[in-house]
Structure formats: C-alpha cells, structure tokens
Amino acid sequence: MASSIDSKLRFAIAGKRLVTFKADGCLRKAEPHDYGLFKGVARLFYYQVGGESRTGKLPGWRWARIEKIKDLNITDEPFAGPRPVTGRHVAWEKLFASVSKRG
C-alpha cells in the first residue's frame, strides 16, 4: 500500500475533508468515512457525492480497495462528519481511521 495514500486518507478523515480519486476507471468525489482492513484487504468506506459511477446512482455508499485508488487528492471542502449508514455494519479487522468512533 502506498504510504502517500495512507497518510492522505488519515489526514482527510481526521480533518473531515472531501477527496477525489480514480477507481475502476471512474473519477470519484467522496466523503472518506472509514479506512481499515476488512477480510484481509485494505479498504476505504466512503460516501460518494460526485463524479462518475458505474451504476449512475449518486450520492451513495461505496467501497474501494486501496490498491485500486489512483490520483488521490484532498480538497479544501469540508464535510459534516458521520452519516447514518443504511444496511449492515461490518466488523473491521483493524480500523486505521474513522470519522465516527466505531471500530
């Protein structure tokens, strides 16, 4: 895992700042909420607020494998913090950073 992605995600989550990145060929604009290990893979759980989506349904919750994140940038735009999550909660093996205090 690229250390620059790690440090950028930790910084963006701690500061509640929107990020942009490319994943699976799509440009994403997102609120990064949780970053950690799930099922042995480093992942980001985020709320996508803009950019492109293969489903075309925005805004919405998404997952990204860290290895697939390219061109990660932290914007100057803040977001309010935790959002209610619909659906089931996951049991992270290790949570590196979170806007909520779950883990």
C-alpha atoms as a PDB file:
ATOM      1  CA  MET A   1       0.000   0.000   0.000  1.00  0.00           C
ATOM      2  CA  ALA A   2       1.392   3.363  -0.949  1.00  0.00           C
ATOM      3  CA  SER A   3       2.289   5.374   2.122  1.00  0.00           C
ATOM      4  CA  SER A   4       1.144   8.604   0.481  1.00  0.00           C
ATOM      5  CA  ILE A   5      -2.373   7.189   0.070  1.00  0.00           C
ATOM      6  CA  ASP A   6      -2.301   6.007   3.680  1.00  0.00           C
ATOM      7  CA  SER A   7      -1.237   9.394   5.048  1.00  0.00           C
ATOM      8  CA  LYS A   8      -3.633  11.309   2.784  1.00  0.00           C
ATOM      9  CA  LEU A   9      -6.599   9.180   3.839  1.00  0.00           C
ATOM     10  CA  ARG A  10      -5.752   9.519   7.523  1.00  0.00           C
ATOM     11  CA  PHE A  11      -5.410  13.312   7.114  1.00  0.00           C
ATOM     12  CA  ALA A  12      -8.659  13.672   5.122  1.00  0.00           C
ATOM     13  CA  ILE A  13     -10.633  11.562   7.595  1.00  0.00           C
ATOM     14  CA  ALA A  14      -9.222  13.372  10.641  1.00  0.00           C
ATOM     15  CA  GLY A  15      -9.991  16.748   9.060  1.00  0.00           C
ATOM     16  CA  LYS A  16     -13.336  15.684   7.541  1.00  0.00           C
ATOM     17  CA  ARG A  17     -12.260  16.816   4.078  1.00  0.00           C
ATOM     18  CA  LEU A  18     -13.668  15.634   0.754  1.00  0.00           C
ATOM     19  CA  VAL A  19     -11.339  13.684  -1.509  1.00  0.00           C
ATOM     20  CA  THR A  20     -11.203  12.967  -5.213  1.00  0.00           C
ATOM     21  CA  PHE A  21      -9.687   9.851  -6.744  1.00  0.00           C
ATOM     22  CA  LYS A  22      -9.957   7.417  -9.597  1.00  0.00           C
ATOM     23  CA  ALA A  23     -11.078   3.848  -9.002  1.00  0.00           C
ATOM     24  CA  ASP A  24     -12.134   1.246 -11.556  1.00  0.00           C
ATOM     25  CA  GLY A  25     -11.875   3.811 -14.345  1.00  0.00           C
ATOM     26  CA  CYS A  26     -14.222   6.328 -12.702  1.00  0.00           C
ATOM     27  CA  LEU A  27     -13.449   9.689 -11.119  1.00  0.00           C
ATOM     28  CA  ARG A  28     -14.969   9.876  -7.629  1.00  0.00           C
ATOM     29  CA  LYS A  29     -15.652  12.756  -5.249  1.00  0.00           C
ATOM     30  CA  ALA A  30     -16.255  11.446  -1.768  1.00  0.00           C
ATOM     31  CA  GLU A  31     -16.503  11.826   1.975  1.00  0.00           C
ATOM     32  CA  PRO A  32     -13.999   9.300   3.341  1.00  0.00           C
ATOM     33  CA  HIS A  33     -15.575   7.698   6.420  1.00  0.00           C
ATOM     34  CA  ASP A  34     -13.719   4.526   7.381  1.00  0.00           C
ATOM     35  CA  TYR A  35     -10.325   3.197   6.353  1.00  0.00           C
ATOM     36  CA  GLY A  36      -9.005  -0.135   7.508  1.00  0.00           C
ATOM     37  CA  LEU A  37      -8.653  -3.857   6.954  1.00  0.00           C
ATOM     38  CA  PHE A  38     -11.739  -5.853   6.063  1.00  0.00           C
ATOM     39  CA  LYS A  39     -11.452  -9.503   5.047  1.00  0.00           C
ATOM     40  CA  GLY A  40      -7.669  -9.087   4.909  1.00  0.00           C
ATOM     41  CA  VAL A  41      -7.801  -6.233   2.368  1.00  0.00           C
ATOM     42  CA  ALA A  42      -7.123  -2.527   2.978  1.00  0.00           C
ATOM     43  CA  ARG A  43     -10.306  -0.682   2.034  1.00  0.00           C
ATOM     44  CA  LEU A  44     -11.987   2.699   2.144  1.00  0.00           C
ATOM     45  CA  PHE A  45     -15.670   3.018   3.011  1.00  0.00           C
ATOM     46  CA  TYR A  46     -16.903   6.316   1.623  1.00  0.00           C
ATOM     47  CA  TYR A  47     -19.986   8.307   0.745  1.00  0.00           C
ATOM     48  CA  GLN A  48     -19.736   9.323  -2.902  1.00  0.00           C
ATOM     49  CA  VAL A  49     -21.174  12.778  -3.532  1.00  0.00           C
ATOM     50  CA  GLY A  50     -19.985  13.446  -7.075  1.00  0.00           C
ATOM     51  CA  GLY A  51     -18.036  12.251 -10.040  1.00  0.00           C
ATOM     52  CA  GLU A  52     -18.779   9.123 -12.005  1.00  0.00           C
ATOM     53  CA  SER A  53     -20.496   5.911 -11.030  1.00  0.00           C
ATOM     54  CA  ARG A  54     -20.964   2.703 -12.956  1.00  0.00           C
ATOM     55  CA  THR A  55     -24.466   2.412 -11.502  1.00  0.00           C
ATOM     56  CA  GLY A  56     -25.265   6.078 -12.140  1.00  0.00           C
ATOM     57  CA  LYS A  57     -26.813   6.303  -8.678  1.00  0.00           C
ATOM     58  CA  LEU A  58     -25.401   9.181  -6.638  1.00  0.00           C
ATOM     59  CA  PRO A  59     -24.999  10.044  -3.877  1.00  0.00           C
ATOM     60  CA  GLY A  60     -24.392   6.758  -2.112  1.00  0.00           C
ATOM     61  CA  TRP A  61     -22.195   4.497  -0.009  1.00  0.00           C
ATOM     62  CA  ARG A  62     -19.286   2.739  -1.728  1.00  0.00           C
ATOM     63  CA  TRP A  63     -16.224   0.604  -1.009  1.00  0.00           C
ATOM     64  CA  ALA A  64     -12.824   0.910  -2.657  1.00  0.00           C
ATOM     65  CA  ARG A  65      -9.840  -1.368  -2.348  1.00  0.00           C
ATOM     66  CA  ILE A  66      -6.883   0.865  -1.525  1.00  0.00           C
ATOM     67  CA  GLU A  67      -4.788  -0.848  -4.213  1.00  0.00           C
ATOM     68  CA  LYS A  68      -7.273   0.421  -6.831  1.00  0.00           C
ATOM     69  CA  ILE A  69      -7.225   4.072  -5.721  1.00  0.00           C
ATOM     70  CA  LYS A  70      -5.274   6.331  -8.089  1.00  0.00           C
ATOM     71  CA  ASP A  71      -4.648  10.098  -8.131  1.00  0.00           C
ATOM     72  CA  LEU A  72      -5.959  10.686  -4.600  1.00  0.00           C
ATOM     73  CA  ASN A  73      -6.324  14.387  -3.760  1.00  0.00           C
ATOM     74  CA  ILE A  74      -7.625  16.093  -0.642  1.00  0.00           C
ATOM     75  CA  THR A  75      -9.908  19.032  -1.408  1.00  0.00           C
ATOM     76  CA  ASP A  76     -10.450  22.190   0.649  1.00  0.00           C
ATOM     77  CA  GLU A  77     -14.119  21.240   1.032  1.00  0.00           C
ATOM     78  CA  PRO A  78     -15.164  20.017   4.482  1.00  0.00           C
ATOM     79  CA  PHE A  79     -17.989  17.605   5.222  1.00  0.00           C
ATOM     80  CA  ALA A  80     -20.081  17.490   8.388  1.00  0.00           C
ATOM     81  CA  GLY A  81     -18.916  14.152   9.745  1.00  0.00           C
ATOM     82  CA  PRO A  82     -20.565  10.783  10.248  1.00  0.00           C
ATOM     83  CA  ARG A  83     -23.669   9.953   8.242  1.00  0.00           C
ATOM     84  CA  PRO A  84     -26.234   7.334   9.152  1.00  0.00           C
ATOM     85  CA  VAL A  85     -25.305   4.073   7.457  1.00  0.00           C
ATOM     86  CA  THR A  86     -28.155   2.107   5.972  1.00  0.00           C
ATOM     87  CA  GLY A  87     -27.700  -1.625   5.879  1.00  0.00           C
ATOM     88  CA  ARG A  88     -25.442  -3.775   7.978  1.00  0.00           C
ATOM     89  CA  HIS A  89     -22.321  -2.684   9.781  1.00  0.00           C
ATOM     90  CA  VAL A  90     -19.083  -4.525   9.125  1.00  0.00           C
ATOM     91  CA  ALA A  91     -16.623  -5.857  11.642  1.00  0.00           C
ATOM     92  CA  TRP A  92     -13.301  -4.320  10.677  1.00  0.00           C
ATOM     93  CA  GLU A  93     -10.246  -6.441  11.435  1.00  0.00           C
ATOM     94  CA  LYS A  94      -8.323  -3.224  12.001  1.00  0.00           C
ATOM     95  CA  LEU A  95      -9.610   0.312  11.657  1.00  0.00           C
ATOM     96  CA  PHE A  96      -6.877   2.821  10.772  1.00  0.00           C
ATOM     97  CA  ALA A  97      -9.076   5.936  10.680  1.00  0.00           C
ATOM     98  CA  SER A  98     -12.765   6.734  11.072  1.00  0.00           C
ATOM     99  CA  VAL A  99     -14.943   9.860  11.233  1.00  0.00           C
ATOM    100  CA  SER A 100     -17.093   8.021  13.740  1.00  0.00           C
ATOM    101  CA  LYS A 101     -15.693   6.318  16.779  1.00  0.00           C
ATOM    102  CA  ARG A 102     -16.788   2.828  15.687  1.00  0.00           C
ATOM    103  CA  GLY A 103     -14.225   0.144  15.341  1.00  0.00           C
END
